[in-house]
């Protein structure tokens, strides 16, 4: 495998960054994950725009989109895969120990790995921890993922692939790496970005393409929703057949099935959509 590290392709065994990189010592970094099909990344423009928003939110220099596009192209050419998980990581770079950032400039890493197509349905759990919708990094896709690691490990222990969070005021928010949609009386809803959830690229496209409503929802809506599905770059639209101990018979239901079909058709027609609602 070859990776892009700070301006050049390197073999995985030789790819190195400093142990004092701020992304490693304090999680001072942002990232994007993209699905690729036969070497073509999906929605690269939208992902680069969000990477820039996240970098601005942390006070990092704005990433060079042209450089990242070159890096992505080089990595994908060097690692031909049928279906891949492309990861762009952008950190504060070499810095002193502690929270103060150094002046060496940012670190850019691009890597890709093979990933299977997700199952059509999955199980999720809810967790007692909350997202802080008023936090300094709310809505930013940062490399500080320890909370997600803990929640996802709990989900795996319970035979699920995702864990869902409420925010601090008891509203439905998001998963560890996904956005959540629910169907109530035939209408499709998803939490607004003001809930503290990440402004997911797949989420935004799903809202645009299906007409889903952005609605503040109580966390216990999961106890009565007719259908539930997740969206993310690697899941696309994935139905939920179990929430905690509650089985959703017949998943994917009709609304979810339609959303899955619409997303698949629209994504196949345009691998780099340029417009989506901000949420």
C-alpha atoms as a PDB file:
ATOM      1  CA  UNK A   1       0.000   0.000   0.000  1.00  0.00           C
ATOM      2  CA  UNK A   2       1.142   3.529  -0.760  1.00  0.00           C
ATOM      3  CA  UNK A   3       0.126   6.633   1.203  1.00  0.00           C
ATOM      4  CA  UNK A   4       0.543  10.338   0.596  1.00  0.00           C
ATOM      5  CA  UNK A   5       2.424  12.050   3.419  1.00  0.00           C
ATOM      6  CA  UNK A   6       3.327  15.737   3.223  1.00  0.00           C
ATOM      7  CA  UNK A   7       3.824  16.042  -0.507  1.00  0.00           C
ATOM      8  CA  UNK A   8       4.833  12.591  -1.711  1.00  0.00           C
ATOM      9  CA  UNK A   9       3.770   8.993  -2.047  1.00  0.00           C
ATOM     10  CA  UNK A  10       5.373   6.584   0.391  1.00  0.00           C
ATOM     11  CA  UNK A  11       5.150   2.869   1.038  1.00  0.00           C
ATOM     12  CA  UNK A  12       3.072   2.171   4.112  1.00  0.00           C
ATOM     13  CA  UNK A  13       6.083   0.770   5.993  1.00  0.00           C
ATOM     14  CA  UNK A  14       8.042   3.959   5.299  1.00  0.00           C
ATOM     15  CA  UNK A  15       5.263   6.515   5.871  1.00  0.00           C
ATOM     16  CA  UNK A  16       6.228   8.572   8.894  1.00  0.00           C
ATOM     17  CA  UNK A  17       5.135  11.636  10.829  1.00  0.00           C
ATOM     18  CA  UNK A  18       6.669  13.008  14.008  1.00  0.00           C
ATOM     19  CA  UNK A  19       5.568  11.569  17.359  1.00  0.00           C
ATOM     20  CA  UNK A  20       5.164  15.249  18.305  1.00  0.00           C
ATOM     21  CA  UNK A  21       2.570  15.898  15.604  1.00  0.00           C
ATOM     22  CA  UNK A  22      -0.296  17.816  17.211  1.00  0.00           C
ATOM     23  CA  UNK A  23      -2.812  15.441  15.670  1.00  0.00           C
ATOM     24  CA  UNK A  24      -1.239  12.627  17.707  1.00  0.00           C
ATOM     25  CA  UNK A  25      -0.518  14.417  20.981  1.00  0.00           C
ATOM     26  CA  UNK A  26      -3.770  16.353  21.434  1.00  0.00           C
ATOM     27  CA  UNK A  27      -6.062  15.366  18.561  1.00  0.00           C
ATOM     28  CA  UNK A  28      -5.582  18.715  16.814  1.00  0.00           C
ATOM     29  CA  UNK A  29      -6.716  17.710  13.365  1.00  0.00           C
ATOM     30  CA  UNK A  30      -9.612  17.259  10.989  1.00  0.00           C
ATOM     31  CA  UNK A  31     -10.395  14.556   8.461  1.00  0.00           C
ATOM     32  CA  UNK A  32     -12.730  13.328   5.755  1.00  0.00           C
ATOM     33  CA  UNK A  33     -13.696   9.809   4.716  1.00  0.00           C
ATOM     34  CA  UNK A  34     -14.927   9.167   1.175  1.00  0.00           C
ATOM     35  CA  UNK A  35     -16.263   6.136  -0.622  1.00  0.00           C
ATOM     36  CA  UNK A  36     -14.479   5.238  -3.850  1.00  0.00           C
ATOM     37  CA  UNK A  37     -15.687   2.989  -6.659  1.00  0.00           C
ATOM     38  CA  UNK A  38     -13.058   1.686  -9.074  1.00  0.00           C
ATOM     39  CA  UNK A  39     -10.782   4.600  -8.283  1.00  0.00           C
ATOM     40  CA  UNK A  40     -13.395   7.356  -8.381  1.00  0.00           C
ATOM     41  CA  UNK A  41     -14.165   9.159  -5.105  1.00  0.00           C
ATOM     42  CA  UNK A  42     -17.759  10.161  -4.437  1.00  0.00           C
ATOM     43  CA  UNK A  43     -18.582  13.816  -3.625  1.00  0.00           C
ATOM     44  CA  UNK A  44     -14.961  14.927  -3.364  1.00  0.00           C
ATOM     45  CA  UNK A  45     -15.816  18.611  -3.803  1.00  0.00           C
ATOM     46  CA  UNK A  46     -18.334  18.584  -0.950  1.00  0.00           C
ATOM     47  CA  UNK A  47     -15.905  16.721   1.297  1.00  0.00           C
ATOM     48  CA  UNK A  48     -13.129  19.220   0.607  1.00  0.00           C
ATOM     49  CA  UNK A  49     -15.482  22.094   1.390  1.00  0.00           C
ATOM     50  CA  UNK A  50     -16.354  20.499   4.726  1.00  0.00           C
ATOM     51  CA  UNK A  51     -12.681  19.802   5.463  1.00  0.00           C
ATOM     52  CA  UNK A  52     -12.053  23.523   5.027  1.00  0.00           C
ATOM     53  CA  UNK A  53     -14.947  24.428   7.346  1.00  0.00           C
ATOM     54  CA  UNK A  54     -13.603  22.062   9.985  1.00  0.00           C
ATOM     55  CA  UNK A  55     -10.061  23.434   9.622  1.00  0.00           C
ATOM     56  CA  UNK A  56     -11.346  26.985  10.021  1.00  0.00           C
ATOM     57  CA  UNK A  57     -13.250  25.919  13.114  1.00  0.00           C
ATOM     58  CA  UNK A  58     -10.010  24.694  14.708  1.00  0.00           C
ATOM     59  CA  UNK A  59      -8.026  27.688  13.500  1.00  0.00           C
ATOM     60  CA  UNK A  60      -5.859  25.621  11.155  1.00  0.00           C
ATOM     61  CA  UNK A  61      -4.580  27.093   7.875  1.00  0.00           C
ATOM     62  CA  UNK A  62      -6.978  26.472   5.023  1.00  0.00           C
ATOM     63  CA  UNK A  63      -6.079  23.237   3.211  1.00  0.00           C
ATOM     64  CA  UNK A  64      -4.971  23.432  -0.412  1.00  0.00           C
ATOM     65  CA  UNK A  65      -7.736  21.704  -2.376  1.00  0.00           C
ATOM     66  CA  UNK A  66      -5.586  21.289  -5.494  1.00  0.00           C
ATOM     67  CA  UNK A  67      -2.877  19.537  -3.488  1.00  0.00           C
ATOM     68  CA  UNK A  68      -5.415  17.231  -1.856  1.00  0.00           C
ATOM     69  CA  UNK A  69      -6.958  16.378  -5.222  1.00  0.00           C
ATOM     70  CA  UNK A  70      -3.495  15.491  -6.556  1.00  0.00           C
ATOM     71  CA  UNK A  71      -2.810  13.421  -3.459  1.00  0.00           C
ATOM     72  CA  UNK A  72      -6.117  11.558  -3.757  1.00  0.00           C
ATOM     73  CA  UNK A  73      -5.527  10.839  -7.438  1.00  0.00           C
ATOM     74  CA  UNK A  74      -2.003   9.574  -6.765  1.00  0.00           C
ATOM     75  CA  UNK A  75      -3.088   7.326  -3.901  1.00  0.00           C
ATOM     76  CA  UNK A  76      -5.996   5.872  -5.850  1.00  0.00           C
ATOM     77  CA  UNK A  77      -3.805   5.234  -8.897  1.00  0.00           C
ATOM     78  CA  UNK A  78      -1.188   3.515  -6.743  1.00  0.00           C
ATOM     79  CA  UNK A  79      -3.753   1.368  -4.922  1.00  0.00           C
ATOM     80  CA  UNK A  80      -6.357   0.102  -7.433  1.00  0.00           C
ATOM     81  CA  UNK A  81      -9.430  -1.124  -5.536  1.00  0.00           C
ATOM     82  CA  UNK A  82     -12.945  -2.091  -6.538  1.00  0.00           C
ATOM     83  CA  UNK A  83     -14.445  -0.280  -3.542  1.00  0.00           C
ATOM     84  CA  UNK A  84     -12.343   1.816  -1.215  1.00  0.00           C
ATOM     85  CA  UNK A  85     -12.346   3.916   1.934  1.00  0.00           C
ATOM     86  CA  UNK A  86     -10.357   7.076   1.175  1.00  0.00           C
ATOM     87  CA  UNK A  87      -9.196   9.038   4.208  1.00  0.00           C
ATOM     88  CA  UNK A  88      -7.826  12.604   4.158  1.00  0.00           C
ATOM     89  CA  UNK A  89      -6.250  13.687   7.463  1.00  0.00           C
ATOM     90  CA  UNK A  90      -5.057  17.240   8.095  1.00  0.00           C
ATOM     91  CA  UNK A  91      -3.441  18.111  11.436  1.00  0.00           C
ATOM     92  CA  UNK A  92      -1.750  20.941  13.287  1.00  0.00           C
ATOM     93  CA  UNK A  93       1.655  19.447  12.476  1.00  0.00           C
ATOM     94  CA  UNK A  94       4.828  19.336  14.524  1.00  0.00           C
ATOM     95  CA  UNK A  95       4.199  21.217  17.780  1.00  0.00           C
ATOM     96  CA  UNK A  96       5.430  21.491  21.362  1.00  0.00           C
ATOM     97  CA  UNK A  97       3.939  19.135  23.941  1.00  0.00           C
ATOM     98  CA  UNK A  98       0.714  20.666  25.202  1.00  0.00           C
ATOM     99  CA  UNK A  99      -2.154  22.477  23.557  1.00  0.00           C
ATOM    100  CA  UNK A 100      -0.177  25.324  21.992  1.00  0.00           C
ATOM    101  CA  UNK A 101       0.307  24.835  18.259  1.00  0.00           C
ATOM    102  CA  UNK A 102       3.750  25.066  16.661  1.00  0.00           C
ATOM    103  CA  UNK A 103       4.741  26.992  13.534  1.00  0.00           C
ATOM    104  CA  UNK A 104       6.014  24.116  11.386  1.00  0.00           C
ATOM    105  CA  UNK A 105       2.826  23.994   9.355  1.00  0.00           C
ATOM    106  CA  UNK A 106       0.132  21.350   8.961  1.00  0.00           C
ATOM    107  CA  UNK A 107       0.508  17.664   8.191  1.00  0.00           C
ATOM    108  CA  UNK A 108      -1.434  16.140   5.275  1.00  0.00           C
ATOM    109  CA  UNK A 109      -1.986  12.394   4.974  1.00  0.00           C
ATOM    110  CA  UNK A 110      -4.087  10.596   2.369  1.00  0.00           C
ATOM    111  CA  UNK A 111      -4.635   6.840   2.562  1.00  0.00           C
ATOM    112  CA  UNK A 112      -7.023   4.298   1.110  1.00  0.00           C
ATOM    113  CA  UNK A 113      -8.118   0.823   2.138  1.00  0.00           C
ATOM    114  CA  UNK A 114     -10.509  -1.735   0.738  1.00  0.00           C
ATOM    115  CA  UNK A 115     -13.994  -1.794   2.211  1.00  0.00           C
ATOM    116  CA  UNK A 116     -16.969  -4.090   1.560  1.00  0.00           C
ATOM    117  CA  UNK A 117     -20.436  -2.933   0.577  1.00  0.00           C
ATOM    118  CA  UNK A 118     -22.525  -2.459   3.697  1.00  0.00           C
ATOM    119  CA  UNK A 119     -25.480  -4.781   4.467  1.00  0.00           C
ATOM    120  CA  UNK A 120     -28.907  -3.397   3.595  1.00  0.00           C
ATOM    121  CA  UNK A 121     -29.930  -3.384   7.281  1.00  0.00           C
ATOM    122  CA  UNK A 122     -28.176  -3.088  10.614  1.00  0.00           C
ATOM    123  CA  UNK A 123     -28.767  -2.918  14.362  1.00  0.00           C
ATOM    124  CA  UNK A 124     -28.060   0.143  16.531  1.00  0.00           C
ATOM    125  CA  UNK A 125     -28.043   0.911  20.246  1.00  0.00           C
ATOM    126  CA  UNK A 126     -28.559   4.087  22.219  1.00  0.00           C
ATOM    127  CA  UNK A 127     -25.924   5.232  24.717  1.00  0.00           C
ATOM    128  CA  UNK A 128     -26.186   7.355  27.878  1.00  0.00           C
ATOM    129  CA  UNK A 129     -23.500   9.843  26.850  1.00  0.00           C
ATOM    130  CA  UNK A 130     -24.459  13.085  25.122  1.00  0.00           C
ATOM    131  CA  UNK A 131     -23.253  15.333  22.339  1.00  0.00           C
ATOM    132  CA  UNK A 132     -22.601  18.922  23.383  1.00  0.00           C
ATOM    133  CA  UNK A 133     -24.432  21.012  20.808  1.00  0.00           C
ATOM    134  CA  UNK A 134     -22.817  24.176  22.213  1.00  0.00           C
ATOM    135  CA  UNK A 135     -19.239  22.893  22.394  1.00  0.00           C
ATOM    136  CA  UNK A 136     -16.288  24.576  20.677  1.00  0.00           C
ATOM    137  CA  UNK A 137     -15.968  21.749  18.140  1.00  0.00           C
ATOM    138  CA  UNK A 138     -19.667  20.946  17.686  1.00  0.00           C
ATOM    139  CA  UNK A 139     -20.301  20.099  14.048  1.00  0.00           C
ATOM    140  CA  UNK A 140     -16.600  19.840  13.159  1.00  0.00           C
ATOM    141  CA  UNK A 141     -15.136  16.575  11.884  1.00  0.00           C
ATOM    142  CA  UNK A 142     -12.090  16.417  14.125  1.00  0.00           C
ATOM    143  CA  UNK A 143      -9.672  13.585  14.814  1.00  0.00           C
ATOM    144  CA  UNK A 144     -10.655  13.628  18.507  1.00  0.00           C
ATOM    145  CA  UNK A 145     -12.722  10.444  18.238  1.00  0.00           C
ATOM    146  CA  UNK A 146     -12.166   8.746  21.603  1.00  0.00           C
ATOM    147  CA  UNK A 147     -15.804   9.239  22.646  1.00  0.00           C
ATOM    148  CA  UNK A 148     -16.908   7.539  19.441  1.00  0.00           C
ATOM    149  CA  UNK A 149     -14.484   4.672  19.968  1.00  0.00           C
ATOM    150  CA  UNK A 150     -15.959   3.988  23.417  1.00  0.00           C
ATOM    151  CA  UNK A 151     -19.561   4.157  22.170  1.00  0.00           C
ATOM    152  CA  UNK A 152     -18.875   2.010  19.111  1.00  0.00           C
ATOM    153  CA  UNK A 153     -17.185  -0.637  21.266  1.00  0.00           C
ATOM    154  CA  UNK A 154     -20.328  -0.802  23.399  1.00  0.00           C
ATOM    155  CA  UNK A 155     -22.415  -1.201  20.239  1.00  0.00           C
ATOM    156  CA  UNK A 156     -20.219  -4.076  19.062  1.00  0.00           C
ATOM    157  CA  UNK A 157     -20.599  -5.797  22.436  1.00  0.00           C
ATOM    158  CA  UNK A 158     -24.364  -5.736  21.903  1.00  0.00           C
ATOM    159  CA  UNK A 159     -24.319  -7.015  18.348  1.00  0.00           C
ATOM    160  CA  UNK A 160     -24.847  -3.600  16.721  1.00  0.00           C
ATOM    161  CA  UNK A 161     -22.841  -1.582  14.208  1.00  0.00           C
ATOM    162  CA  UNK A 162     -23.650   1.905  15.484  1.00  0.00           C
ATOM    163  CA  UNK A 163     -24.433   3.841  18.670  1.00  0.00           C
ATOM    164  CA  UNK A 164     -26.818   6.805  18.719  1.00  0.00           C
ATOM    165  CA  UNK A 165     -26.447   9.901  20.920  1.00  0.00           C
ATOM    166  CA  UNK A 166     -28.841  12.464  22.309  1.00  0.00           C
ATOM    167  CA  UNK A 167     -27.610  16.023  22.859  1.00  0.00           C
ATOM    168  CA  UNK A 168     -27.502  17.834  26.208  1.00  0.00           C
ATOM    169  CA  UNK A 169     -31.199  18.819  26.030  1.00  0.00           C
ATOM    170  CA  UNK A 170     -32.422  15.299  25.293  1.00  0.00           C
ATOM    171  CA  UNK A 171     -32.894  15.628  21.540  1.00  0.00           C
ATOM    172  CA  UNK A 172     -31.923  13.002  18.996  1.00  0.00           C
ATOM    173  CA  UNK A 173     -28.537  13.948  17.547  1.00  0.00           C
ATOM    174  CA  UNK A 174     -26.403  11.446  15.589  1.00  0.00           C
ATOM    175  CA  UNK A 175     -24.375   8.257  15.585  1.00  0.00           C
ATOM    176  CA  UNK A 176     -20.647   7.837  16.143  1.00  0.00           C
ATOM    177  CA  UNK A 177     -20.031   8.126  12.412  1.00  0.00           C
ATOM    178  CA  UNK A 178     -23.452   8.538  10.883  1.00  0.00           C
ATOM    179  CA  UNK A 179     -26.555  10.702  10.733  1.00  0.00           C
ATOM    180  CA  UNK A 180     -29.963   9.299  11.623  1.00  0.00           C
ATOM    181  CA  UNK A 181     -33.340   9.612   9.885  1.00  0.00           C
ATOM    182  CA  UNK A 182     -36.732   8.495  11.216  1.00  0.00           C
ATOM    183  CA  UNK A 183     -40.118   7.977   9.572  1.00  0.00           C
ATOM    184  CA  UNK A 184     -43.181   9.194  11.475  1.00  0.00           C
ATOM    185  CA  UNK A 185     -46.642   8.762   9.935  1.00  0.00           C
ATOM    186  CA  UNK A 186     -45.082   8.374   6.511  1.00  0.00           C
ATOM    187  CA  UNK A 187     -42.936  11.542   6.757  1.00  0.00           C
ATOM    188  CA  UNK A 188     -39.152  11.515   6.770  1.00  0.00           C
ATOM    189  CA  UNK A 189     -37.303  13.530   9.441  1.00  0.00           C
ATOM    190  CA  UNK A 190     -33.704  14.085  10.524  1.00  0.00           C
ATOM    191  CA  UNK A 191     -32.245  16.251  13.330  1.00  0.00           C
ATOM    192  CA  UNK A 192     -31.097  19.744  12.281  1.00  0.00           C
ATOM    193  CA  UNK A 193     -27.418  20.656  12.393  1.00  0.00           C
ATOM    194  CA  UNK A 194     -28.258  22.880  15.393  1.00  0.00           C
ATOM    195  CA  UNK A 195     -28.742  19.655  17.370  1.00  0.00           C
ATOM    196  CA  UNK A 196     -24.947  19.305  17.388  1.00  0.00           C
ATOM    197  CA  UNK A 197     -24.781  16.613  14.725  1.00  0.00           C
ATOM    198  CA  UNK A 198     -22.175  16.598  11.992  1.00  0.00           C
ATOM    199  CA  UNK A 199     -23.368  18.142   8.746  1.00  0.00           C
ATOM    200  CA  UNK A 200     -22.939  14.858   6.916  1.00  0.00           C
ATOM    201  CA  UNK A 201     -22.421  14.932   3.163  1.00  0.00           C
ATOM    202  CA  UNK A 202     -24.670  11.922   2.614  1.00  0.00           C
ATOM    203  CA  UNK A 203     -27.168  13.438   5.053  1.00  0.00           C
ATOM    204  CA  UNK A 204     -27.315  16.693   3.098  1.00  0.00           C
ATOM    205  CA  UNK A 205     -27.725  14.940  -0.234  1.00  0.00           C
ATOM    206  CA  UNK A 206     -30.426  12.691   1.199  1.00  0.00           C
ATOM    207  CA  UNK A 207     -32.330  15.714   2.516  1.00  0.00           C
ATOM    208  CA  UNK A 208     -32.017  17.436  -0.867  1.00  0.00           C
ATOM    209  CA  UNK A 209     -32.934  14.392  -2.950  1.00  0.00           C
ATOM    210  CA  UNK A 210     -35.799  13.034  -0.807  1.00  0.00           C
ATOM    211  CA  UNK A 211     -37.314  16.206   0.689  1.00  0.00           C
ATOM    212  CA  UNK A 212     -36.752  15.012   4.265  1.00  0.00           C
ATOM    213  CA  UNK A 213     -37.636  17.534   6.967  1.00  0.00           C
ATOM    214  CA  UNK A 214     -35.078  18.796   9.482  1.00  0.00           C
ATOM    215  CA  UNK A 215     -36.897  18.507  12.791  1.00  0.00           C
ATOM    216  CA  UNK A 216     -35.962  18.717  16.458  1.00  0.00           C
ATOM    217  CA  UNK A 217     -36.864  15.275  17.771  1.00  0.00           C
ATOM    218  CA  UNK A 218     -36.954  13.875  21.309  1.00  0.00           C
ATOM    219  CA  UNK A 219     -34.511  11.018  21.870  1.00  0.00           C
ATOM    220  CA  UNK A 220     -37.353   8.616  22.613  1.00  0.00           C
ATOM    221  CA  UNK A 221     -38.669   9.069  19.060  1.00  0.00           C
ATOM    222  CA  UNK A 222     -36.614   5.937  18.414  1.00  0.00           C
ATOM    223  CA  UNK A 223     -39.127   4.006  20.537  1.00  0.00           C
ATOM    224  CA  UNK A 224     -42.013   4.767  18.186  1.00  0.00           C
ATOM    225  CA  UNK A 225     -40.584   5.597  14.744  1.00  0.00           C
ATOM    226  CA  UNK A 226     -42.068   3.492  11.955  1.00  0.00           C
ATOM    227  CA  UNK A 227     -38.715   3.300  10.181  1.00  0.00           C
ATOM    228  CA  UNK A 228     -35.152   4.323  11.028  1.00  0.00           C
ATOM    229  CA  UNK A 229     -32.138   4.578   8.751  1.00  0.00           C
ATOM    230  CA  UNK A 230     -28.555   5.799   8.886  1.00  0.00           C
ATOM    231  CA  UNK A 231     -26.542   7.778   6.362  1.00  0.00           C
ATOM    232  CA  UNK A 232     -22.790   8.114   5.981  1.00  0.00           C
ATOM    233  CA  UNK A 233     -20.147   8.067   3.285  1.00  0.00           C
ATOM    234  CA  UNK A 234     -19.605   4.311   3.601  1.00  0.00           C
ATOM    235  CA  UNK A 235     -23.164   3.295   4.517  1.00  0.00           C
ATOM    236  CA  UNK A 236     -24.897   5.519   1.933  1.00  0.00           C
ATOM    237  CA  UNK A 237     -28.506   4.918   3.114  1.00  0.00           C
ATOM    238  CA  UNK A 238     -28.749   1.909   5.440  1.00  0.00           C
ATOM    239  CA  UNK A 239     -31.945   0.667   7.072  1.00  0.00           C
ATOM    240  CA  UNK A 240     -32.083  -0.117  10.802  1.00  0.00           C
ATOM    241  CA  UNK A 241     -33.851  -3.333  11.787  1.00  0.00           C
ATOM    242  CA  UNK A 242     -33.229  -3.097  15.550  1.00  0.00           C
ATOM    243  CA  UNK A 243     -32.860  -0.231  18.025  1.00  0.00           C
ATOM    244  CA  UNK A 244     -31.688  -1.594  21.387  1.00  0.00           C
ATOM    245  CA  UNK A 245     -34.201  -4.405  22.000  1.00  0.00           C
ATOM    246  CA  UNK A 246     -36.871  -3.101  19.622  1.00  0.00           C
ATOM    247  CA  UNK A 247     -37.234  -4.903  16.308  1.00  0.00           C
ATOM    248  CA  UNK A 248     -38.480  -2.909  13.310  1.00  0.00           C
ATOM    249  CA  UNK A 249     -40.301  -5.557  11.340  1.00  0.00           C
ATOM    250  CA  UNK A 250     -39.968  -5.478   7.581  1.00  0.00           C
ATOM    251  CA  UNK A 251     -36.905  -3.246   7.442  1.00  0.00           C
ATOM    252  CA  UNK A 252     -36.155  -1.648   5.078  1.00  0.00           C
ATOM    253  CA  UNK A 253     -39.638  -0.154   5.063  1.00  0.00           C
ATOM    254  CA  UNK A 254     -41.208   1.618   2.071  1.00  0.00           C
ATOM    255  CA  UNK A 255     -39.892   5.119   2.821  1.00  0.00           C
ATOM    256  CA  UNK A 256     -36.393   3.827   3.501  1.00  0.00           C
ATOM    257  CA  UNK A 257     -36.463   1.646   0.390  1.00  0.00           C
ATOM    258  CA  UNK A 258     -37.390   4.667  -1.710  1.00  0.00           C
ATOM    259  CA  UNK A 259     -34.605   6.753  -0.131  1.00  0.00           C
ATOM    260  CA  UNK A 260     -32.095   3.976  -0.809  1.00  0.00           C
ATOM    261  CA  UNK A 261     -33.155   3.784  -4.444  1.00  0.00           C
ATOM    262  CA  UNK A 262     -33.104   7.557  -4.972  1.00  0.00           C
ATOM    263  CA  UNK A 263     -29.677   7.922  -3.406  1.00  0.00           C
ATOM    264  CA  UNK A 264     -28.205   5.058  -5.404  1.00  0.00           C
ATOM    265  CA  UNK A 265     -29.574   6.407  -8.688  1.00  0.00           C
ATOM    266  CA  UNK A 266     -28.561  10.016  -8.093  1.00  0.00           C
ATOM    267  CA  UNK A 267     -25.089   9.090  -6.843  1.00  0.00           C
ATOM    268  CA  UNK A 268     -24.509   6.831  -9.843  1.00  0.00           C
ATOM    269  CA  UNK A 269     -25.529   9.656 -12.189  1.00  0.00           C
ATOM    270  CA  UNK A 270     -23.100  12.199 -10.676  1.00  0.00           C
ATOM    271  CA  UNK A 271     -20.016  11.145  -8.720  1.00  0.00           C
ATOM    272  CA  UNK A 272     -19.167  14.717  -7.714  1.00  0.00           C
ATOM    273  CA  UNK A 273     -22.379  16.651  -6.907  1.00  0.00           C
ATOM    274  CA  UNK A 274     -21.598  20.301  -6.272  1.00  0.00           C
ATOM    275  CA  UNK A 275     -24.615  21.521  -4.308  1.00  0.00           C
ATOM    276  CA  UNK A 276     -26.262  20.386  -1.108  1.00  0.00           C
ATOM    277  CA  UNK A 277     -28.088  22.250   1.661  1.00  0.00           C
ATOM    278  CA  UNK A 278     -26.034  23.449   4.601  1.00  0.00           C
ATOM    279  CA  UNK A 279     -28.611  22.006   7.012  1.00  0.00           C
END
